[in-house]
Amino acid sequence: MKDGLSIPHIGIAIQEQLARMDSASGEEYLAGVAQIIAPLQQCLGASRDEMSVLVADAGRAENTDALRRTNDNAVRVASELFAATRSVPMVQEICTTVRDAIAERALELSRRKLYFSGTYCDLPLALLAVGSDGRREQTLVTDQDYLFLHDLGSPDSELSEEEMADYFGMLGSLFASKMAEAGISRCSGGIMPVNSDWRGSLPQWQQRLTTMFLFERSDWEKNIVNLIALMDTRFVCGDKGLGYYFGKMVRARARNNPQAMKQMGRIVSAMKLSKGFLGRFVIEAEGLHKGSFNIKLLAWMPLVMSIRLLAVSVGIEETSTLGRIKRLWNDGHVTDKMATELAAAYHIITGHRISQQIKRLKRIIDDDSYINPYELSGNEREELKAAIGSIDELQSMLRGRFSMLTSVDHFLPASQ
């Protein structure tokens, strides 16, 4: 899997160029290289320094106004870094790291508010993230994707189960409100601990998973969506012993359930792409987004979800998409060519999403999910087309893999 030119390769390329020059032109050439590299080094160093400052700012914030300023500054720093480097991982590192600090402080402020109002519970609590936050892939615009995992307490606890449920319900409500005030909008799908489905003790979560794996007709869609979201669970803060291995437990239970893998495989491999006849983009024919397509639904989500499913199915615990691709390649589950193309697809598609988010923040566009491929340069258009083509190939591989799983499943005893 090729991550681009290595430092030795760059050095060789420079040496080869110098070999054709006299001393004067060689000095001029190297000065030009330095003029390109030095500002980038300065930008990277400044961004990392600012990220450290923002994490510290979040940790000592006394209200959500201060947290919002921290979030706004993180967006500014990440936007400037993207403009200088076009680096998707650098943007994600800044946004996720700072927002982890914001979430931790928002939870502390929420517990403090309940304490001073006379409501207190000392049971251990872990804050966990799912979705893009669980993958450490937050970008400039994001929403809340969190859950609570709390201790059940001892049998002789002073609090009843109802009182515990009430406390964590109030805490979840306060936390969601404070995060929204800090600039992290509420999740449209309801994945927040303000909702009872997204908070509970370990036994309660284990029971929920058991229910999800039944795939009952009435709740099938809800259960599969929730299960897919839980595949990216990541510990953020709180009681590490309680929450650190929760995601690993969820992924193991899913991986060891053939029906769950089959159902997720069926959904992921059938997701539509903006790919039509002869590889042409499928775009909106009329309406507000005429000439555009939803790059989130028709490119980014199929890529991320396909990689996640394949990684979970073979026992990879890494949650980031690029990390999963690298592990899949290292372990021999995808070829060098496919790994390289999928990593490139992720950088290209996510890079376009960040560019659209910048346009939205500048009020140039209203909806950052849509992109008009014919407004891109010819090279960008071909890159995007190739990226979507690589997702199509991955989905074809998944259809073969999980139809095989379905076939084997027919021969398994019902008790399996």
Protein backbone atom coordinates (compact mmCIF):
# COMPACT_ATOMS: atom_id res chain seq x y z
CA MET A 1 0.00 0.00 0.00
CA LYS A 2 1.57 3.26 -1.11
CA ASP A 3 1.03 6.33 1.09
CA GLY A 4 2.74 8.64 -1.42
CA LEU A 5 6.42 9.53 -1.94
CA SER A 6 8.59 8.65 1.05
CA ILE A 7 11.31 10.99 2.31
CA PRO A 8 14.06 8.83 0.71
CA HIS A 9 12.25 8.93 -2.64
CA ILE A 10 11.93 12.71 -2.44
CA GLY A 11 15.62 12.95 -1.58
CA ILE A 12 16.53 10.79 -4.58
CA ALA A 13 14.36 12.95 -6.86
CA ILE A 14 16.11 16.10 -5.62
CA GLN A 15 19.54 14.51 -6.07
CA GLU A 16 18.65 13.45 -9.62
CA GLN A 17 17.61 17.01 -10.40
CA LEU A 18 20.80 18.45 -8.86
CA ALA A 19 22.91 16.05 -10.94
CA ARG A 20 21.86 17.96 -14.06
CA MET A 21 22.78 21.40 -12.68
CA ASP A 22 25.83 23.51 -12.06
CA SER A 23 26.46 24.93 -8.59
CA ALA A 24 24.68 28.24 -9.16
CA SER A 25 21.49 26.74 -10.56
CA GLY A 26 21.67 23.99 -7.91
CA GLU A 27 21.70 26.57 -5.11
CA GLU A 28 18.79 28.40 -6.74
CA TYR A 29 16.84 25.15 -7.06
CA LEU A 30 17.39 24.18 -3.41
CA ALA A 31 16.40 27.68 -2.29
CA GLY A 32 13.15 27.24 -4.19
CA VAL A 33 12.53 23.89 -2.47
CA ALA A 34 13.14 25.53 0.90
CA GLN A 35 10.70 28.34 0.05
CA ILE A 36 8.00 25.74 -0.48
CA ILE A 37 8.80 23.59 2.57
CA ALA A 38 9.53 26.25 5.21
CA PRO A 39 6.06 27.89 5.19
CA LEU A 40 4.42 24.45 5.39
CA GLN A 41 6.59 23.52 8.38
CA GLN A 42 5.70 26.82 10.03
CA CYS A 43 1.98 26.27 9.37
CA LEU A 44 2.08 22.73 10.79
CA GLY A 45 3.97 23.81 13.89
CA ALA A 46 1.62 26.74 14.51
CA SER A 47 -1.46 24.52 14.07
CA ARG A 48 -0.22 21.93 16.56
CA ASP A 49 0.60 24.69 19.06
CA GLU A 50 -2.87 26.19 18.63
CA MET A 51 -4.48 22.76 19.04
CA SER A 52 -2.72 22.33 22.39
CA VAL A 53 -3.89 25.78 23.49
CA LEU A 54 -7.49 25.00 22.45
CA VAL A 55 -7.49 21.72 24.40
CA ALA A 56 -6.29 23.64 27.47
CA ASP A 57 -8.92 26.35 26.87
CA ALA A 58 -11.67 23.72 26.76
CA GLY A 59 -10.42 22.12 29.96
CA ARG A 60 -10.75 25.31 31.97
CA ALA A 61 -13.91 26.73 30.35
CA GLU A 62 -16.50 27.78 32.93
CA ASN A 63 -19.45 28.06 30.56
CA THR A 64 -20.67 27.06 27.12
CA ASP A 65 -19.85 30.48 25.64
CA ALA A 66 -16.17 29.71 26.25
CA LEU A 67 -16.61 26.22 24.79
CA ARG A 68 -18.25 27.68 21.67
CA ARG A 69 -15.31 30.06 21.18
CA THR A 70 -12.98 27.08 21.47
CA ASN A 71 -14.96 25.14 18.87
CA ASP A 72 -15.07 28.15 16.53
CA ASN A 73 -11.31 28.57 16.85
CA ALA A 74 -10.75 24.86 16.15
CA VAL A 75 -12.76 25.23 12.93
CA ARG A 76 -10.69 28.28 11.98
CA VAL A 77 -7.36 26.54 12.63
CA ALA A 78 -8.44 23.39 10.79
CA SER A 79 -9.73 25.42 7.82
CA GLU A 80 -6.47 27.35 7.53
CA LEU A 81 -4.44 24.15 7.75
CA PHE A 82 -6.56 22.51 5.05
CA ALA A 83 -6.09 25.51 2.77
CA ALA A 84 -2.31 25.19 3.20
CA THR A 85 -1.91 21.40 3.04
CA ARG A 86 -5.17 19.87 1.72
CA SER A 87 -4.63 17.25 4.44
CA VAL A 88 -7.79 15.41 5.50
CA PRO A 89 -6.13 13.59 8.48
CA MET A 90 -4.74 16.86 9.89
CA VAL A 91 -8.19 18.46 9.85
CA GLN A 92 -9.67 15.38 11.51
CA GLU A 93 -6.96 15.32 14.18
CA ILE A 94 -7.59 18.94 15.19
CA CYS A 95 -11.39 18.74 15.12
CA THR A 96 -11.61 15.42 16.99
CA THR A 97 -8.97 16.22 19.60
CA VAL A 98 -10.43 19.61 20.49
CA ARG A 99 -14.02 18.37 20.51
CA ASP A 100 -13.06 15.47 22.78
CA ALA A 101 -11.83 18.11 25.24
CA ILE A 102 -15.04 20.12 24.74
CA ALA A 103 -17.19 17.03 25.37
CA GLU A 104 -15.24 16.13 28.51
CA ARG A 105 -15.65 19.65 29.89
CA ALA A 106 -19.34 19.83 28.93
CA LEU A 107 -19.90 16.61 30.88
CA GLU A 108 -18.05 18.02 33.90
CA LEU A 109 -20.11 21.23 33.79
CA SER A 110 -23.31 19.19 33.52
CA ARG A 111 -22.45 17.06 36.56
CA ARG A 112 -21.49 20.19 38.46
CA LYS A 113 -24.83 21.84 37.68
CA LEU A 114 -26.74 18.80 38.91
CA TYR A 115 -24.59 18.65 42.06
CA PHE A 116 -25.26 22.27 43.00
CA SER A 117 -28.96 21.75 42.35
CA GLY A 118 -28.94 18.99 44.96
CA THR A 119 -28.80 15.99 42.61
CA TYR A 120 -25.79 13.73 42.90
CA CYS A 121 -24.72 10.24 41.85
CA ASP A 122 -21.16 8.95 42.29
CA LEU A 123 -21.52 5.90 40.05
CA PRO A 124 -18.69 5.57 37.49
CA LEU A 125 -19.61 6.84 34.02
CA ALA A 126 -17.93 6.55 30.63
CA LEU A 127 -18.67 8.83 27.69
CA LEU A 128 -18.37 6.97 24.38
CA ALA A 129 -18.50 8.27 20.82
CA VAL A 130 -19.82 6.60 17.68
CA GLY A 131 -20.01 7.66 14.03
CA SER A 132 -17.31 9.98 12.67
CA ASP A 133 -16.32 10.90 16.22
CA GLY A 134 -15.89 7.22 17.08
CA ARG A 135 -13.59 6.91 14.07
CA ARG A 136 -11.71 10.10 15.08
CA GLU A 137 -12.81 11.57 11.75
CA GLN A 138 -14.63 14.74 12.73
CA THR A 139 -14.42 17.58 10.25
CA LEU A 140 -15.39 21.25 10.31
CA VAL A 141 -19.14 20.65 10.61
CA THR A 142 -20.35 17.82 12.84
CA ASP A 143 -23.11 16.77 15.21
CA GLN A 144 -23.39 14.85 18.46
CA ASP A 145 -22.90 11.06 18.37
CA TYR A 146 -22.47 10.00 21.99
CA LEU A 147 -23.67 7.40 24.48
CA PHE A 148 -23.41 6.89 28.24
CA LEU A 149 -22.21 3.69 29.86
CA HIS A 150 -22.56 3.78 33.65
CA ASP A 151 -21.97 1.39 36.51
CA LEU A 152 -24.95 -0.45 37.93
CA GLY A 153 -23.94 0.09 41.52
CA SER A 154 -23.91 -2.40 44.41
CA PRO A 155 -27.04 -4.20 45.64
CA ASP A 156 -26.98 -2.09 48.83
CA SER A 157 -26.70 1.19 46.92
CA GLU A 158 -28.64 4.11 48.36
CA LEU A 159 -30.09 4.87 44.91
CA SER A 160 -32.80 2.74 43.36
CA GLU A 161 -32.67 1.78 39.66
CA GLU A 162 -35.34 4.40 38.95
CA GLU A 163 -33.34 7.11 40.71
CA MET A 164 -30.19 6.12 38.80
CA ALA A 165 -32.13 6.20 35.52
CA ASP A 166 -33.53 9.63 36.39
CA TYR A 167 -30.09 10.99 37.27
CA PHE A 168 -28.40 9.83 34.07
CA GLY A 169 -31.41 10.99 32.08
CA MET A 170 -31.05 14.49 33.51
CA LEU A 171 -27.29 14.37 32.97
CA GLY A 172 -27.76 13.26 29.36
CA SER A 173 -30.22 16.08 28.74
CA LEU A 174 -27.89 18.70 30.22
CA PHE A 175 -24.90 17.32 28.32
CA ALA A 176 -26.73 17.42 24.97
CA SER A 177 -27.86 20.99 25.64
CA LYS A 178 -24.38 22.18 26.60
CA MET A 179 -22.81 20.55 23.54
CA ALA A 180 -25.41 22.26 21.32
CA GLU A 181 -24.65 25.59 23.00
CA ALA A 182 -20.96 24.93 22.34
CA GLY A 183 -21.65 24.63 18.61
CA ILE A 184 -21.97 20.84 18.27
CA SER A 185 -25.49 20.40 16.96
CA ARG A 186 -27.87 17.70 18.14
CA CYS A 187 -27.84 14.43 16.22
CA SER A 188 -30.75 14.23 13.77
CA GLY A 189 -30.84 10.46 14.34
CA GLY A 190 -31.13 10.88 18.11
CA ILE A 191 -27.76 9.27 18.99
CA MET A 192 -27.33 11.20 22.23
CA PRO A 193 -27.57 10.21 25.92
CA VAL A 194 -30.60 12.47 26.27
CA ASN A 195 -32.41 9.51 24.67
CA SER A 196 -32.87 6.45 26.89
CA ASP A 197 -31.75 4.11 24.07
CA TRP A 198 -28.29 5.69 24.21
CA ARG A 199 -27.53 5.45 27.91
CA GLY A 200 -27.45 2.57 30.37
CA SER A 201 -25.43 0.12 32.42
CA LEU A 202 -23.41 -2.70 30.88
CA PRO A 203 -26.18 -5.30 31.51
CA GLN A 204 -28.69 -2.94 29.89
CA TRP A 205 -26.45 -2.47 26.85
CA GLN A 206 -25.88 -6.21 26.58
CA GLN A 207 -29.64 -6.76 26.60
CA ARG A 208 -30.08 -4.12 23.90
CA LEU A 209 -27.52 -5.89 21.74
CA THR A 210 -29.34 -9.19 22.22
CA THR A 211 -32.56 -7.49 21.09
CA MET A 212 -30.82 -5.91 18.10
CA PHE A 213 -29.53 -9.31 16.99
CA LEU A 214 -33.07 -10.72 16.90
CA PHE A 215 -33.84 -8.45 13.91
CA GLU A 216 -37.55 -8.50 14.65
CA ARG A 217 -39.67 -7.23 11.80
CA SER A 218 -41.20 -4.27 13.71
CA ASP A 219 -37.83 -2.79 14.77
CA TRP A 220 -35.57 -4.23 12.05
CA GLU A 221 -34.58 -0.93 10.46
CA LYS A 222 -33.96 0.84 13.76
CA ASN A 223 -31.92 -2.05 15.16
CA ILE A 224 -29.67 -2.41 12.13
CA VAL A 225 -29.00 1.34 12.00
CA ASN A 226 -28.13 1.39 15.72
CA LEU A 227 -25.94 -1.69 15.38
CA ILE A 228 -24.02 -0.19 12.47
CA ALA A 229 -23.45 3.00 14.49
CA LEU A 230 -22.12 0.99 17.44
CA MET A 231 -19.43 -0.61 15.26
CA ASP A 232 -17.38 2.60 15.63
CA THR A 233 -17.67 2.98 19.41
CA ARG A 234 -14.68 4.75 20.98
CA PHE A 235 -13.97 5.70 24.61
CA VAL A 236 -13.76 9.49 25.05
CA CYS A 237 -13.55 10.20 28.77
CA GLY A 238 -14.73 9.13 32.20
CA ASP A 239 -14.18 5.72 33.78
CA LYS A 240 -11.65 4.03 31.50
CA GLY A 241 -12.05 0.60 33.08
CA LEU A 242 -15.78 0.74 32.46
CA GLY A 243 -15.81 2.06 28.92
CA TYR A 244 -12.51 1.29 27.23
CA TYR A 245 -13.39 -2.21 26.00
CA PHE A 246 -17.06 -1.65 25.30
CA GLY A 247 -16.52 -1.08 21.58
CA LYS A 248 -14.41 -4.22 21.31
CA MET A 249 -17.20 -6.21 22.99
CA VAL A 250 -19.83 -4.84 20.59
CA ARG A 251 -17.73 -5.59 17.51
CA ALA A 252 -16.97 -9.11 18.74
CA ARG A 253 -20.64 -9.88 19.31
CA ALA A 254 -21.52 -8.62 15.84
CA ARG A 255 -18.66 -10.51 14.19
CA ASN A 256 -19.69 -13.75 15.89
CA ASN A 257 -23.31 -13.37 14.76
CA PRO A 258 -23.63 -14.60 11.12
CA GLN A 259 -27.09 -13.10 10.73
CA ALA A 260 -25.90 -9.67 11.88
CA MET A 261 -22.98 -9.70 9.46
CA LYS A 262 -25.26 -10.89 6.65
CA GLN A 263 -27.81 -8.15 7.28
CA MET A 264 -25.16 -5.42 7.47
CA GLY A 265 -23.46 -6.84 4.38
CA ARG A 266 -26.72 -6.78 2.47
CA ILE A 267 -27.32 -3.12 3.30
CA VAL A 268 -23.76 -1.88 2.74
CA SER A 269 -23.15 -3.70 -0.54
CA ALA A 270 -26.44 -2.40 -1.97
CA MET A 271 -25.84 1.28 -1.17
CA LYS A 272 -26.19 3.45 -4.27
CA LEU A 273 -23.29 5.32 -5.81
CA SER A 274 -23.16 8.31 -8.12
CA LYS A 275 -22.06 5.98 -10.91
CA GLY A 276 -24.13 5.40 -14.00
CA PHE A 277 -23.71 4.21 -17.58
CA LEU A 278 -20.04 4.19 -18.69
CA GLY A 279 -19.04 5.44 -15.25
CA ARG A 280 -20.79 8.78 -15.63
CA PHE A 281 -21.93 10.66 -12.55
CA VAL A 282 -25.56 10.22 -11.54
CA ILE A 283 -26.77 13.75 -10.81
CA GLU A 284 -30.01 15.49 -9.87
CA ALA A 285 -32.02 16.19 -13.05
CA GLU A 286 -34.11 18.99 -11.54
CA GLY A 287 -34.77 20.94 -8.39
CA LEU A 288 -32.56 22.92 -6.05
CA HIS A 289 -29.54 20.65 -6.61
CA LYS A 290 -29.88 20.20 -10.36
CA GLY A 291 -26.57 19.07 -11.86
CA SER A 292 -25.21 17.98 -8.46
CA PHE A 293 -25.20 14.80 -6.40
CA ASN A 294 -25.12 14.08 -2.68
CA ILE A 295 -21.46 13.21 -2.14
CA LYS A 296 -22.16 12.14 1.45
CA LEU A 297 -24.86 9.59 0.59
CA LEU A 298 -23.62 8.49 -2.84
CA ALA A 299 -19.88 8.25 -2.22
CA TRP A 300 -18.60 8.88 1.30
CA MET A 301 -21.06 6.74 3.29
CA PRO A 302 -20.78 3.66 1.03
CA LEU A 303 -16.98 3.86 1.29
CA VAL A 304 -16.81 4.29 5.07
CA MET A 305 -19.50 1.69 5.76
CA SER A 306 -18.00 -0.89 3.40
CA ILE A 307 -14.54 -0.55 4.94
CA ARG A 308 -16.03 -0.73 8.45
CA LEU A 309 -17.97 -3.92 7.67
CA LEU A 310 -14.98 -5.67 6.12
CA ALA A 311 -12.69 -4.66 9.00
CA VAL A 312 -15.13 -5.76 11.71
CA SER A 313 -15.80 -9.06 9.93
CA VAL A 314 -12.10 -10.03 10.11
CA GLY A 315 -11.54 -8.85 13.68
CA ILE A 316 -9.74 -5.55 13.12
CA GLU A 317 -10.18 -3.28 16.16
CA GLU A 318 -8.91 -0.07 14.55
CA THR A 319 -11.85 2.33 14.07
CA SER A 320 -10.48 4.97 11.68
CA THR A 321 -11.18 4.35 8.00
CA LEU A 322 -7.61 4.88 6.82
CA GLY A 323 -6.33 2.76 9.73
CA ARG A 324 -8.76 0.01 8.80
CA ILE A 325 -7.63 0.09 5.16
CA LYS A 326 -3.99 -0.21 6.23
CA ARG A 327 -4.74 -3.13 8.56
CA LEU A 328 -6.81 -4.88 5.89
CA TRP A 329 -3.82 -4.59 3.55
CA ASN A 330 -1.26 -5.62 6.19
CA ASP A 331 -3.32 -8.72 7.04
CA GLY A 332 -3.79 -9.70 3.40
CA HIS A 333 -7.53 -9.07 3.11
CA VAL A 334 -7.18 -6.62 0.21
CA THR A 335 -4.57 -6.27 -2.51
CA ASP A 336 -1.98 -3.52 -2.62
CA LYS A 337 -3.83 -2.00 -5.57
CA MET A 338 -7.21 -2.01 -3.84
CA ALA A 339 -5.79 -0.61 -0.59
CA THR A 340 -4.01 2.20 -2.44
CA GLU A 341 -7.13 3.07 -4.46
CA LEU A 342 -9.44 2.97 -1.42
CA ALA A 343 -7.12 5.21 0.63
CA ALA A 344 -6.93 7.64 -2.28
CA ALA A 345 -10.74 7.52 -2.62
CA TYR A 346 -11.13 8.40 1.06
CA HIS A 347 -8.74 11.36 0.81
CA ILE A 348 -10.40 12.64 -2.39
CA ILE A 349 -14.03 12.29 -1.28
CA THR A 350 -13.48 13.57 2.27
CA GLY A 351 -11.38 16.42 0.90
CA HIS A 352 -14.30 17.50 -1.28
CA ARG A 353 -16.62 17.30 1.74
CA ILE A 354 -14.30 19.58 3.73
CA SER A 355 -14.10 22.02 0.80
CA GLN A 356 -17.90 22.10 0.65
CA GLN A 357 -18.08 22.68 4.41
CA ILE A 358 -15.75 25.67 4.05
CA LYS A 359 -18.04 27.08 1.35
CA ARG A 360 -21.03 26.58 3.63
CA LEU A 361 -19.31 28.29 6.56
CA LYS A 362 -18.55 31.22 4.25
CA ARG A 363 -22.24 31.22 3.20
CA ILE A 364 -21.36 30.50 -0.43
CA ILE A 365 -23.63 27.43 -0.42
CA ASP A 366 -26.47 26.29 1.83
CA ASP A 367 -25.98 22.51 1.74
CA ASP A 368 -22.46 21.05 1.94
CA SER A 369 -23.63 17.51 1.13
CA TYR A 370 -24.09 18.32 -2.58
CA ILE A 371 -21.36 18.83 -5.16
CA ASN A 372 -21.54 19.62 -8.86
CA PRO A 373 -18.83 17.47 -10.52
CA TYR A 374 -18.89 19.62 -13.65
CA GLU A 375 -17.73 22.64 -11.67
CA LEU A 376 -14.52 20.76 -10.82
CA SER A 377 -11.40 20.80 -12.96
CA GLY A 378 -11.04 17.97 -15.47
CA ASN A 379 -8.39 16.27 -13.31
CA GLU A 380 -10.50 16.57 -10.13
CA ARG A 381 -13.50 15.18 -11.95
CA GLU A 382 -11.55 12.14 -13.19
CA GLU A 383 -10.11 11.55 -9.70
CA LEU A 384 -13.59 11.64 -8.18
CA LYS A 385 -14.91 9.30 -10.86
CA ALA A 386 -12.06 6.85 -10.18
CA ALA A 387 -12.69 7.09 -6.43
CA ILE A 388 -16.34 6.14 -6.85
CA GLY A 389 -15.29 3.32 -9.19
CA SER A 390 -13.04 1.86 -6.48
CA ILE A 391 -15.99 1.85 -4.04
CA ASP A 392 -18.04 -0.01 -6.65
CA GLU A 393 -15.32 -2.68 -6.84
CA LEU A 394 -15.27 -2.98 -3.04
CA GLN A 395 -19.04 -3.39 -2.91
CA SER A 396 -18.82 -6.14 -5.54
CA MET A 397 -16.25 -7.92 -3.37
CA LEU A 398 -18.54 -7.58 -0.34
CA ARG A 399 -21.51 -8.99 -2.26
CA GLY A 400 -19.45 -12.06 -3.05
CA ARG A 401 -18.12 -12.37 0.48
CA PHE A 402 -21.44 -12.01 2.26
CA SER A 403 -23.46 -14.07 -0.19
CA MET A 404 -20.97 -16.80 0.64
CA LEU A 405 -21.67 -16.16 4.32
CA THR A 406 -25.39 -16.45 3.58
CA SER A 407 -24.84 -19.77 1.80
CA VAL A 408 -22.83 -21.18 4.71
CA ASP A 409 -25.47 -19.88 7.11
CA HIS A 410 -28.05 -22.22 5.54
CA PHE A 411 -26.06 -25.20 6.82
CA LEU A 412 -25.63 -23.94 10.37
CA PRO A 413 -27.82 -25.44 13.12
CA ALA A 414 -30.53 -23.10 14.40
CA SER A 415 -28.76 -22.87 17.77
CA GLN A 416 -25.74 -21.25 16.07
